[in-house]
Amino acid sequence: MSWWAIAAMAAGAFGFKVLGVLGFGQLSERLASRLAPLAALIPAALFSALVAVQTFGDGRSLTIDARLCGVGVGLFAVWRRAPFVVVVLAAMTATALVRWQTIL
């Protein structure tokens, strides 16, 4: 990405803030109240996308390996409402066991 693109995005973000201060605040409040339910879903969608990319991606190719098993065990633990530490430990253990079996 070029420095010009970064500068343009920074100027655009600053410009939106200035427009809000100059009087477009009432319009943005009405728009914000309509978009609030959608905005609440953005973090979950981004986190899911990051997990998918880290699980299945390997550069420019699709990879299915022990990480998939770990994510599956983690999903099962979340579904069973296990505490976060248990979810992480279960996923980590499952991934390690599958990798260990492939070495042997």
PDB file of N, CA and C in Angstrom:
ATOM      1  N   MET A   1       0.848  -1.163   0.000  1.00  0.00           N
ATOM      2  CA  MET A   1       0.000   0.000   0.000  1.00  0.00           C
ATOM      3  C   MET A   1       0.901   1.235   0.000  1.00  0.00           C
ATOM      4  N   SER A   2       0.532   2.228  -0.769  1.00  0.00           N
ATOM      5  CA  SER A   2       1.377   3.414  -0.885  1.00  0.00           C
ATOM      6  C   SER A   2       1.061   4.408   0.235  1.00  0.00           C
ATOM      7  N   TRP A   3       1.998   5.302   0.459  1.00  0.00           N
ATOM      8  CA  TRP A   3       1.822   6.325   1.475  1.00  0.00           C
ATOM      9  C   TRP A   3       0.703   7.284   1.088  1.00  0.00           C
ATOM     10  N   TRP A   4       0.493   7.488  -0.211  1.00  0.00           N
ATOM     11  CA  TRP A   4      -0.597   8.363  -0.644  1.00  0.00           C
ATOM     12  C   TRP A   4      -1.950   7.783  -0.263  1.00  0.00           C
ATOM     13  N   ALA A   5      -2.103   6.475  -0.381  1.00  0.00           N
ATOM     14  CA  ALA A   5      -3.374   5.849  -0.010  1.00  0.00           C
ATOM     15  C   ALA A   5      -3.612   5.956   1.491  1.00  0.00           C
ATOM     16  N   ILE A   6      -2.561   5.769   2.282  1.00  0.00           N
ATOM     17  CA  ILE A   6      -2.698   5.890   3.738  1.00  0.00           C
ATOM     18  C   ILE A   6      -3.062   7.316   4.117  1.00  0.00           C
ATOM     19  N   ALA A   7      -2.415   8.291   3.474  1.00  0.00           N
ATOM     20  CA  ALA A   7      -2.724   9.699   3.755  1.00  0.00           C
ATOM     21  C   ALA A   7      -4.151  10.034   3.351  1.00  0.00           C
ATOM     22  N   ALA A   8      -4.611   9.496   2.230  1.00  0.00           N
ATOM     23  CA  ALA A   8      -5.982   9.764   1.781  1.00  0.00           C
ATOM     24  C   ALA A   8      -6.995   9.160   2.752  1.00  0.00           C
ATOM     25  N   MET A   9      -6.735   7.961   3.241  1.00  0.00           N
ATOM     26  CA  MET A   9      -7.660   7.350   4.202  1.00  0.00           C
ATOM     27  C   MET A   9      -7.667   8.112   5.526  1.00  0.00           C
ATOM     28  N   ALA A  10      -6.509   8.568   5.970  1.00  0.00           N
ATOM     29  CA  ALA A  10      -6.449   9.355   7.203  1.00  0.00           C
ATOM     30  C   ALA A  10      -7.203  10.677   7.036  1.00  0.00           C
ATOM     31  N   ALA A  11      -7.021  11.335   5.883  1.00  0.00           N
ATOM     32  CA  ALA A  11      -7.736  12.590   5.627  1.00  0.00           C
ATOM     33  C   ALA A  11      -9.239  12.350   5.554  1.00  0.00           C
ATOM     34  N   GLY A  12      -9.648  11.242   4.954  1.00  0.00           N
ATOM     35  CA  GLY A  12     -11.070  10.927   4.883  1.00  0.00           C
ATOM     36  C   GLY A  12     -11.671  10.680   6.257  1.00  0.00           C
ATOM     37  N   ALA A  13     -10.960   9.960   7.105  1.00  0.00           N
ATOM     38  CA  ALA A  13     -11.452   9.710   8.462  1.00  0.00           C
ATOM     39  C   ALA A  13     -11.563  11.019   9.239  1.00  0.00           C
ATOM     40  N   PHE A  14     -10.550  11.861   9.118  1.00  0.00           N
ATOM     41  CA  PHE A  14     -10.582  13.159   9.790  1.00  0.00           C
ATOM     42  C   PHE A  14     -11.721  14.015   9.229  1.00  0.00           C
ATOM     43  N   GLY A  15     -11.934  13.963   7.916  1.00  0.00           N
ATOM     44  CA  GLY A  15     -13.018  14.719   7.297  1.00  0.00           C
ATOM     45  C   GLY A  15     -14.389  14.302   7.805  1.00  0.00           C
ATOM     46  N   PHE A  16     -14.606  13.011   7.993  1.00  0.00           N
ATOM     47  CA  PHE A  16     -15.884  12.545   8.531  1.00  0.00           C
ATOM     48  C   PHE A  16     -16.102  13.063   9.951  1.00  0.00           C
ATOM     49  N   LYS A  17     -15.037  13.110  10.728  1.00  0.00           N
ATOM     50  CA  LYS A  17     -15.166  13.645  12.086  1.00  0.00           C
ATOM     51  C   LYS A  17     -15.509  15.131  12.062  1.00  0.00           C
ATOM     52  N   VAL A  18     -14.889  15.875  11.158  1.00  0.00           N
ATOM     53  CA  VAL A  18     -15.169  17.309  11.043  1.00  0.00           C
ATOM     54  C   VAL A  18     -16.611  17.530  10.602  1.00  0.00           C
ATOM     55  N   LEU A  19     -17.106  16.743   9.660  1.00  0.00           N
ATOM     56  CA  LEU A  19     -18.498  16.881   9.212  1.00  0.00           C
ATOM     57  C   LEU A  19     -19.472  16.623  10.355  1.00  0.00           C
ATOM     58  N   GLY A  20     -19.168  15.685  11.206  1.00  0.00           N
ATOM     59  CA  GLY A  20     -20.027  15.416  12.352  1.00  0.00           C
ATOM     60  C   GLY A  20     -20.068  16.590  13.314  1.00  0.00           C
ATOM     61  N   VAL A  21     -18.933  17.239  13.512  1.00  0.00           N
ATOM     62  CA  VAL A  21     -18.867  18.391  14.415  1.00  0.00           C
ATOM     63  C   VAL A  21     -19.577  19.598  13.809  1.00  0.00           C
ATOM     64  N   LEU A  22     -19.520  19.739  12.490  1.00  0.00           N
ATOM     65  CA  LEU A  22     -20.080  20.924  11.834  1.00  0.00           C
ATOM     66  C   LEU A  22     -21.595  20.921  11.698  1.00  0.00           C
ATOM     67  N   GLY A  23     -22.264  19.896  12.117  1.00  0.00           N
ATOM     68  CA  GLY A  23     -23.714  19.983  12.075  1.00  0.00           C
ATOM     69  C   GLY A  23     -24.427  18.794  11.483  1.00  0.00           C
ATOM     70  N   PHE A  24     -23.695  17.848  10.983  1.00  0.00           N
ATOM     71  CA  PHE A  24     -24.360  16.668  10.458  1.00  0.00           C
ATOM     72  C   PHE A  24     -24.584  15.638  11.566  1.00  0.00           C
ATOM     73  N   GLY A  25     -24.490  16.075  12.806  1.00  0.00           N
ATOM     74  CA  GLY A  25     -24.622  15.182  13.952  1.00  0.00           C
ATOM     75  C   GLY A  25     -26.000  14.563  14.075  1.00  0.00           C
ATOM     76  N   GLN A  26     -27.070  15.389  13.840  1.00  0.00           N
ATOM     77  CA  GLN A  26     -28.424  14.844  13.966  1.00  0.00           C
ATOM     78  C   GLN A  26     -28.680  13.761  12.928  1.00  0.00           C
ATOM     79  N   LEU A  27     -28.184  13.973  11.718  1.00  0.00           N
ATOM     80  CA  LEU A  27     -28.336  12.977  10.663  1.00  0.00           C
ATOM     81  C   LEU A  27     -27.594  11.701  11.033  1.00  0.00           C
ATOM     82  N   SER A  28     -26.394  11.864  11.582  1.00  0.00           N
ATOM     83  CA  SER A  28     -25.614  10.685  11.928  1.00  0.00           C
ATOM     84  C   SER A  28     -26.225   9.937  13.112  1.00  0.00           C
ATOM     85  N   GLU A  29     -26.887  10.657  14.030  1.00  0.00           N
ATOM     86  CA  GLU A  29     -27.536   9.979  15.154  1.00  0.00           C
ATOM     87  C   GLU A  29     -28.692   9.110  14.672  1.00  0.00           C
ATOM     88  N   ARG A  30     -29.480   9.616  13.737  1.00  0.00           N
ATOM     89  CA  ARG A  30     -30.577   8.806  13.193  1.00  0.00           C
ATOM     90  C   ARG A  30     -30.045   7.595  12.435  1.00  0.00           C
ATOM     91  N   LEU A  31     -28.976   7.812  11.673  1.00  0.00           N
ATOM     92  CA  LEU A  31     -28.371   6.718  10.935  1.00  0.00           C
ATOM     93  C   LEU A  31     -27.743   5.702  11.887  1.00  0.00           C
ATOM     94  N   ALA A  32     -27.110   6.197  12.949  1.00  0.00           N
ATOM     95  CA  ALA A  32     -26.476   5.309  13.922  1.00  0.00           C
ATOM     96  C   ALA A  32     -27.505   4.441  14.628  1.00  0.00           C
ATOM     97  N   SER A  33     -28.672   4.989  14.928  1.00  0.00           N
ATOM     98  CA  SER A  33     -29.693   4.184  15.597  1.00  0.00           C
ATOM     99  C   SER A  33     -30.212   3.078  14.685  1.00  0.00           C
ATOM    100  N   ARG A  34     -30.218   3.321  13.381  1.00  0.00           N
ATOM    101  CA  ARG A  34     -30.648   2.273  12.441  1.00  0.00           C
ATOM    102  C   ARG A  34     -29.580   1.211  12.237  1.00  0.00           C
ATOM    103  N   LEU A  35     -28.316   1.632  12.270  1.00  0.00           N
ATOM    104  CA  LEU A  35     -27.227   0.695  11.995  1.00  0.00           C
ATOM    105  C   LEU A  35     -26.662   0.023  13.238  1.00  0.00           C
ATOM    106  N   ALA A  36     -27.128   0.401  14.424  1.00  0.00           N
ATOM    107  CA  ALA A  36     -26.588  -0.164  15.663  1.00  0.00           C
ATOM    108  C   ALA A  36     -26.714  -1.693  15.723  1.00  0.00           C
ATOM    109  N   PRO A  37     -27.858  -2.296  15.337  1.00  0.00           N
ATOM    110  CA  PRO A  37     -27.921  -3.764  15.385  1.00  0.00           C
ATOM    111  C   PRO A  37     -26.901  -4.439  14.457  1.00  0.00           C
ATOM    112  N   LEU A  38     -26.662  -3.844  13.291  1.00  0.00           N
ATOM    113  CA  LEU A  38     -25.668  -4.413  12.386  1.00  0.00           C
ATOM    114  C   LEU A  38     -24.248  -4.211  12.899  1.00  0.00           C
ATOM    115  N   ALA A  39     -23.997  -3.061  13.482  1.00  0.00           N
ATOM    116  CA  ALA A  39     -22.659  -2.774  14.004  1.00  0.00           C
ATOM    117  C   ALA A  39     -22.297  -3.712  15.144  1.00  0.00           C
ATOM    118  N   ALA A  40     -23.289  -4.181  15.881  1.00  0.00           N
ATOM    119  CA  ALA A  40     -23.022  -5.110  16.980  1.00  0.00           C
ATOM    120  C   ALA A  40     -22.555  -6.468  16.463  1.00  0.00           C
ATOM    121  N   LEU A  41     -22.873  -6.803  15.217  1.00  0.00           N
ATOM    122  CA  LEU A  41     -22.485  -8.096  14.647  1.00  0.00           C
ATOM    123  C   LEU A  41     -21.099  -8.084  14.009  1.00  0.00           C
ATOM    124  N   ILE A  42     -20.531  -6.916  13.779  1.00  0.00           N
ATOM    125  CA  ILE A  42     -19.244  -6.814  13.075  1.00  0.00           C
ATOM    126  C   ILE A  42     -18.104  -7.517  13.814  1.00  0.00           C
ATOM    127  N   PRO A  43     -17.936  -7.338  15.139  1.00  0.00           N
ATOM    128  CA  PRO A  43     -16.815  -8.027  15.798  1.00  0.00           C
ATOM    129  C   PRO A  43     -16.877  -9.551  15.672  1.00  0.00           C
ATOM    130  N   ALA A  44     -18.061 -10.129  15.796  1.00  0.00           N
ATOM    131  CA  ALA A  44     -18.183 -11.579  15.673  1.00  0.00           C
ATOM    132  C   ALA A  44     -17.846 -12.043  14.259  1.00  0.00           C
ATOM    133  N   ALA A  45     -18.271 -11.295  13.267  1.00  0.00           N
ATOM    134  CA  ALA A  45     -17.968 -11.665  11.886  1.00  0.00           C
ATOM    135  C   ALA A  45     -16.474 -11.553  11.601  1.00  0.00           C
ATOM    136  N   LEU A  46     -15.838 -10.493  12.093  1.00  0.00           N
ATOM    137  CA  LEU A  46     -14.402 -10.341  11.880  1.00  0.00           C
ATOM    138  C   LEU A  46     -13.607 -11.426  12.584  1.00  0.00           C
ATOM    139  N   PHE A  47     -13.999 -11.744  13.811  1.00  0.00           N
ATOM    140  CA  PHE A  47     -13.294 -12.792  14.546  1.00  0.00           C
ATOM    141  C   PHE A  47     -13.458 -14.145  13.849  1.00  0.00           C
ATOM    142  N   SER A  48     -14.651 -14.434  13.369  1.00  0.00           N
ATOM    143  CA  SER A  48     -14.877 -15.689  12.642  1.00  0.00           C
ATOM    144  C   SER A  48     -14.032 -15.757  11.375  1.00  0.00           C
ATOM    145  N   ALA A  49     -13.949 -14.651  10.661  1.00  0.00           N
ATOM    146  CA  ALA A  49     -13.133 -14.623   9.446  1.00  0.00           C
ATOM    147  C   ALA A  49     -11.659 -14.828   9.763  1.00  0.00           C
ATOM    148  N   LEU A  50     -11.172 -14.209  10.834  1.00  0.00           N
ATOM    149  CA  LEU A  50      -9.775 -14.400  11.218  1.00  0.00           C
ATOM    150  C   LEU A  50      -9.481 -15.842  11.607  1.00  0.00           C
ATOM    151  N   VAL A  51     -10.403 -16.459  12.341  1.00  0.00           N
ATOM    152  CA  VAL A  51     -10.222 -17.868  12.718  1.00  0.00           C
ATOM    153  C   VAL A  51     -10.199 -18.745  11.471  1.00  0.00           C
ATOM    154  N   ALA A  52     -11.094 -18.488  10.533  1.00  0.00           N
ATOM    155  CA  ALA A  52     -11.133 -19.290   9.311  1.00  0.00           C
ATOM    156  C   ALA A  52      -9.859 -19.141   8.499  1.00  0.00           C
ATOM    157  N   VAL A  53      -9.367 -17.924   8.364  1.00  0.00           N
ATOM    158  CA  VAL A  53      -8.141 -17.700   7.587  1.00  0.00           C
ATOM    159  C   VAL A  53      -6.949 -18.365   8.260  1.00  0.00           C
ATOM    160  N   GLN A  54      -6.846 -18.244   9.582  1.00  0.00           N
ATOM    161  CA  GLN A  54      -5.723 -18.845  10.290  1.00  0.00           C
ATOM    162  C   GLN A  54      -5.810 -20.369  10.322  1.00  0.00           C
ATOM    163  N   THR A  55      -7.017 -20.915  10.262  1.00  0.00           N
ATOM    164  CA  THR A  55      -7.187 -22.366  10.314  1.00  0.00           C
ATOM    165  C   THR A  55      -6.946 -23.012   8.958  1.00  0.00           C
ATOM    166  N   PHE A  56      -7.500 -22.447   7.904  1.00  0.00           N
ATOM    167  CA  PHE A  56      -7.466 -23.100   6.596  1.00  0.00           C
ATOM    168  C   PHE A  56      -6.448 -22.498   5.632  1.00  0.00           C
ATOM    169  N   GLY A  57      -5.912 -21.336   5.946  1.00  0.00           N
ATOM    170  CA  GLY A  57      -5.022 -20.678   5.006  1.00  0.00           C
ATOM    171  C   GLY A  57      -3.562 -20.986   5.275  1.00  0.00           C
ATOM    172  N   ASP A  58      -2.832 -21.140   4.185  1.00  0.00           N
ATOM    173  CA  ASP A  58      -1.382 -21.324   4.268  1.00  0.00           C
ATOM    174  C   ASP A  58      -0.783 -20.615   3.057  1.00  0.00           C
ATOM    175  N   GLY A  59      -0.587 -19.319   3.203  1.00  0.00           N
ATOM    176  CA  GLY A  59      -0.136 -18.547   2.053  1.00  0.00           C
ATOM    177  C   GLY A  59      -1.282 -18.356   1.078  1.00  0.00           C
ATOM    178  N   ARG A  60      -1.132 -18.922  -0.106  1.00  0.00           N
ATOM    179  CA  ARG A  60      -2.185 -18.814  -1.121  1.00  0.00           C
ATOM    180  C   ARG A  60      -2.909 -20.137  -1.352  1.00  0.00           C
ATOM    181  N   SER A  61      -2.702 -21.106  -0.462  1.00  0.00           N
ATOM    182  CA  SER A  61      -3.352 -22.398  -0.659  1.00  0.00           C
ATOM    183  C   SER A  61      -4.225 -22.755   0.534  1.00  0.00           C
ATOM    184  N   LEU A  62      -5.136 -23.662   0.301  1.00  0.00           N
ATOM    185  CA  LEU A  62      -6.033 -24.165   1.333  1.00  0.00           C
ATOM    186  C   LEU A  62      -5.381 -25.364   2.001  1.00  0.00           C
ATOM    187  N   THR A  63      -5.332 -25.361   3.326  1.00  0.00           N
ATOM    188  CA  THR A  63      -4.677 -26.421   4.065  1.00  0.00           C
ATOM    189  C   THR A  63      -5.634 -26.984   5.102  1.00  0.00           C
ATOM    190  N   ILE A  64      -5.764 -28.284   5.118  1.00  0.00           N
ATOM    191  CA  ILE A  64      -6.562 -28.949   6.145  1.00  0.00           C
ATOM    192  C   ILE A  64      -5.615 -29.856   6.909  1.00  0.00           C
ATOM    193  N   ASP A  65      -5.407 -29.516   8.199  1.00  0.00           N
ATOM    194  CA  ASP A  65      -4.473 -30.276   9.012  1.00  0.00           C
ATOM    195  C   ASP A  65      -4.986 -30.346  10.447  1.00  0.00           C
ATOM    196  N   ALA A  66      -4.081 -30.468  11.399  1.00  0.00           N
ATOM    197  CA  ALA A  66      -4.455 -30.649  12.801  1.00  0.00           C
ATOM    198  C   ALA A  66      -5.187 -29.438  13.372  1.00  0.00           C
ATOM    199  N   ARG A  67      -4.973 -28.270  12.800  1.00  0.00           N
ATOM    200  CA  ARG A  67      -5.651 -27.067  13.297  1.00  0.00           C
ATOM    201  C   ARG A  67      -7.161 -27.199  13.175  1.00  0.00           C
ATOM    202  N   LEU A  68      -7.625 -27.871  12.129  1.00  0.00           N
ATOM    203  CA  LEU A  68      -9.062 -28.063  11.945  1.00  0.00           C
ATOM    204  C   LEU A  68      -9.648 -28.869  13.096  1.00  0.00           C
ATOM    205  N   CYS A  69      -8.945 -29.888  13.531  1.00  0.00           N
ATOM    206  CA  CYS A  69      -9.406 -30.687  14.670  1.00  0.00           C
ATOM    207  C   CYS A  69      -9.464 -29.829  15.934  1.00  0.00           C
ATOM    208  N   GLY A  70      -8.457 -28.999  16.153  1.00  0.00           N
ATOM    209  CA  GLY A  70      -8.447 -28.123  17.319  1.00  0.00           C
ATOM    210  C   GLY A  70      -9.599 -27.135  17.319  1.00  0.00           C
ATOM    211  N   VAL A  71      -9.887 -26.560  16.164  1.00  0.00           N
ATOM    212  CA  VAL A  71     -11.013 -25.630  16.074  1.00  0.00           C
ATOM    213  C   VAL A  71     -12.327 -26.364  16.310  1.00  0.00           C
ATOM    214  N   GLY A  72     -12.448 -27.588  15.796  1.00  0.00           N
ATOM    215  CA  GLY A  72     -13.656 -28.374  16.029  1.00  0.00           C
ATOM    216  C   GLY A  72     -13.870 -28.686  17.502  1.00  0.00           C
ATOM    217  N   VAL A  73     -12.808 -29.081  18.186  1.00  0.00           N
ATOM    218  CA  VAL A  73     -12.912 -29.359  19.620  1.00  0.00           C
ATOM    219  C   VAL A  73     -13.236 -28.074  20.382  1.00  0.00           C
ATOM    220  N   GLY A  74     -12.630 -26.966  19.969  1.00  0.00           N
ATOM    221  CA  GLY A  74     -12.940 -25.686  20.602  1.00  0.00           C
ATOM    222  C   GLY A  74     -14.388 -25.275  20.401  1.00  0.00           C
ATOM    223  N   LEU A  75     -14.906 -25.473  19.206  1.00  0.00           N
ATOM    224  CA  LEU A  75     -16.318 -25.175  18.942  1.00  0.00           C
ATOM    225  C   LEU A  75     -17.240 -26.039  19.784  1.00  0.00           C
ATOM    226  N   PHE A  76     -16.877 -27.303  19.913  1.00  0.00           N
ATOM    227  CA  PHE A  76     -17.687 -28.196  20.744  1.00  0.00           C
ATOM    228  C   PHE A  76     -17.676 -27.729  22.199  1.00  0.00           C
ATOM    229  N   ALA A  77     -16.513 -27.317  22.689  1.00  0.00           N
ATOM    230  CA  ALA A  77     -16.420 -26.847  24.071  1.00  0.00           C
ATOM    231  C   ALA A  77     -17.215 -25.562  24.270  1.00  0.00           C
ATOM    232  N   VAL A  78     -17.196 -24.674  23.283  1.00  0.00           N
ATOM    233  CA  VAL A  78     -18.004 -23.459  23.378  1.00  0.00           C
ATOM    234  C   VAL A  78     -19.476 -23.807  23.363  1.00  0.00           C
ATOM    235  N   TRP A  79     -19.854 -24.740  22.510  1.00  0.00           N
ATOM    236  CA  TRP A  79     -21.258 -25.168  22.435  1.00  0.00           C
ATOM    237  C   TRP A  79     -21.722 -25.751  23.764  1.00  0.00           C
ATOM    238  N   ARG A  80     -20.826 -26.431  24.468  1.00  0.00           N
ATOM    239  CA  ARG A  80     -21.167 -27.013  25.772  1.00  0.00           C
ATOM    240  C   ARG A  80     -21.004 -25.992  26.906  1.00  0.00           C
ATOM    241  N   ARG A  81     -20.716 -24.744  26.549  1.00  0.00           N
ATOM    242  CA  ARG A  81     -20.588 -23.628  27.484  1.00  0.00           C
ATOM    243  C   ARG A  81     -19.481 -23.839  28.515  1.00  0.00           C
ATOM    244  N   ALA A  82     -18.349 -24.313  28.041  1.00  0.00           N
ATOM    245  CA  ALA A  82     -17.187 -24.483  28.906  1.00  0.00           C
ATOM    246  C   ALA A  82     -16.533 -23.111  29.130  1.00  0.00           C
ATOM    247  N   PRO A  83     -15.839 -22.957  30.252  1.00  0.00           N
ATOM    248  CA  PRO A  83     -15.110 -21.698  30.466  1.00  0.00           C
ATOM    249  C   PRO A  83     -14.037 -21.491  29.393  1.00  0.00           C
ATOM    250  N   PHE A  84     -13.660 -20.230  29.191  1.00  0.00           N
ATOM    251  CA  PHE A  84     -12.730 -19.891  28.118  1.00  0.00           C
ATOM    252  C   PHE A  84     -11.408 -20.632  28.240  1.00  0.00           C
ATOM    253  N   VAL A  85     -10.901 -20.746  29.446  1.00  0.00           N
ATOM    254  CA  VAL A  85      -9.619 -21.436  29.649  1.00  0.00           C
ATOM    255  C   VAL A  85      -9.740 -22.902  29.230  1.00  0.00           C
ATOM    256  N   VAL A  86     -10.858 -23.525  29.539  1.00  0.00           N
ATOM    257  CA  VAL A  86     -11.076 -24.919  29.155  1.00  0.00           C
ATOM    258  C   VAL A  86     -11.173 -25.049  27.638  1.00  0.00           C
ATOM    259  N   VAL A  87     -11.828 -24.098  26.993  1.00  0.00           N
ATOM    260  CA  VAL A  87     -11.943 -24.119  25.531  1.00  0.00           C
ATOM    261  C   VAL A  87     -10.561 -24.060  24.892  1.00  0.00           C
ATOM    262  N   VAL A  88      -9.734 -23.131  25.348  1.00  0.00           N
ATOM    263  CA  VAL A  88      -8.395 -22.976  24.778  1.00  0.00           C
ATOM    264  C   VAL A  88      -7.547 -24.214  25.033  1.00  0.00           C
ATOM    265  N   LEU A  89      -7.573 -24.719  26.253  1.00  0.00           N
ATOM    266  CA  LEU A  89      -6.777 -25.909  26.586  1.00  0.00           C
ATOM    267  C   LEU A  89      -7.245 -27.138  25.808  1.00  0.00           C
ATOM    268  N   ALA A  90      -8.552 -27.302  25.640  1.00  0.00           N
ATOM    269  CA  ALA A  90      -9.069 -28.450  24.887  1.00  0.00           C
ATOM    270  C   ALA A  90      -8.660 -28.371  23.424  1.00  0.00           C
ATOM    271  N   ALA A  91      -8.776 -27.188  22.828  1.00  0.00           N
ATOM    272  CA  ALA A  91      -8.392 -27.030  21.423  1.00  0.00           C
ATOM    273  C   ALA A  91      -6.899 -27.241  21.243  1.00  0.00           C
ATOM    274  N   MET A  92      -6.117 -26.709  22.170  1.00  0.00           N
ATOM    275  CA  MET A  92      -4.670 -26.854  22.092  1.00  0.00           C
ATOM    276  C   MET A  92      -4.258 -28.320  22.254  1.00  0.00           C
ATOM    277  N   THR A  93      -4.887 -29.018  23.178  1.00  0.00           N
ATOM    278  CA  THR A  93      -4.568 -30.427  23.404  1.00  0.00           C
ATOM    279  C   THR A  93      -4.952 -31.281  22.202  1.00  0.00           C
ATOM    280  N   ALA A  94      -6.124 -31.033  21.639  1.00  0.00           N
ATOM    281  CA  ALA A  94      -6.561 -31.808  20.474  1.00  0.00           C
ATOM    282  C   ALA A  94      -5.622 -31.604  19.288  1.00  0.00           C
ATOM    283  N   THR A  95      -5.220 -30.361  19.060  1.00  0.00           N
ATOM    284  CA  THR A  95      -4.291 -30.082  17.963  1.00  0.00           C
ATOM    285  C   THR A  95      -2.958 -30.770  18.192  1.00  0.00           C
ATOM    286  N   ALA A  96      -2.464 -30.702  19.418  1.00  0.00           N
ATOM    287  CA  ALA A  96      -1.179 -31.335  19.729  1.00  0.00           C
ATOM    288  C   ALA A  96      -1.249 -32.846  19.572  1.00  0.00           C
ATOM    289  N   LEU A  97      -2.351 -33.447  19.999  1.00  0.00           N
ATOM    290  CA  LEU A  97      -2.485 -34.911  19.876  1.00  0.00           C
ATOM    291  C   LEU A  97      -2.540 -35.352  18.415  1.00  0.00           C
ATOM    292  N   VAL A  98      -3.254 -34.620  17.588  1.00  0.00           N
ATOM    293  CA  VAL A  98      -3.328 -34.971  16.167  1.00  0.00           C
ATOM    294  C   VAL A  98      -1.968 -34.801  15.517  1.00  0.00           C
ATOM    295  N   ARG A  99      -1.266 -33.745  15.843  1.00  0.00           N
ATOM    296  CA  ARG A  99       0.084 -33.565  15.277  1.00  0.00           C
ATOM    297  C   ARG A  99       1.047 -34.647  15.771  1.00  0.00           C
ATOM    298  N   TRP A 100       0.895 -35.034  17.016  1.00  0.00           N
ATOM    299  CA  TRP A 100       1.741 -36.081  17.582  1.00  0.00           C
ATOM    300  C   TRP A 100       1.491 -37.428  16.877  1.00  0.00           C
ATOM    301  N   GLN A 101       0.214 -37.715  16.564  1.00  0.00           N
ATOM    302  CA  GLN A 101      -0.127 -38.967  15.870  1.00  0.00           C
ATOM    303  C   GLN A 101       0.430 -38.984  14.451  1.00  0.00           C
ATOM    304  N   THR A 102       0.485 -37.828  13.813  1.00  0.00           N
ATOM    305  CA  THR A 102       1.025 -37.809  12.444  1.00  0.00           C
ATOM    306  C   THR A 102       2.538 -37.971  12.425  1.00  0.00           C
ATOM    307  N   ILE A 103       3.196 -37.586  13.522  1.00  0.00           N
ATOM    308  CA  ILE A 103       4.652 -37.759  13.609  1.00  0.00           C
ATOM    309  C   ILE A 103       5.002 -39.217  13.792  1.00  0.00           C
ATOM    310  N   LEU A 104       4.212 -39.909  14.612  1.00  0.00           N
ATOM    311  CA  LEU A 104       4.500 -41.320  14.890  1.00  0.00           C
ATOM    312  C   LEU A 104       4.175 -42.133  13.702  1.00  0.00           C
TER     313      LEU A 104
END
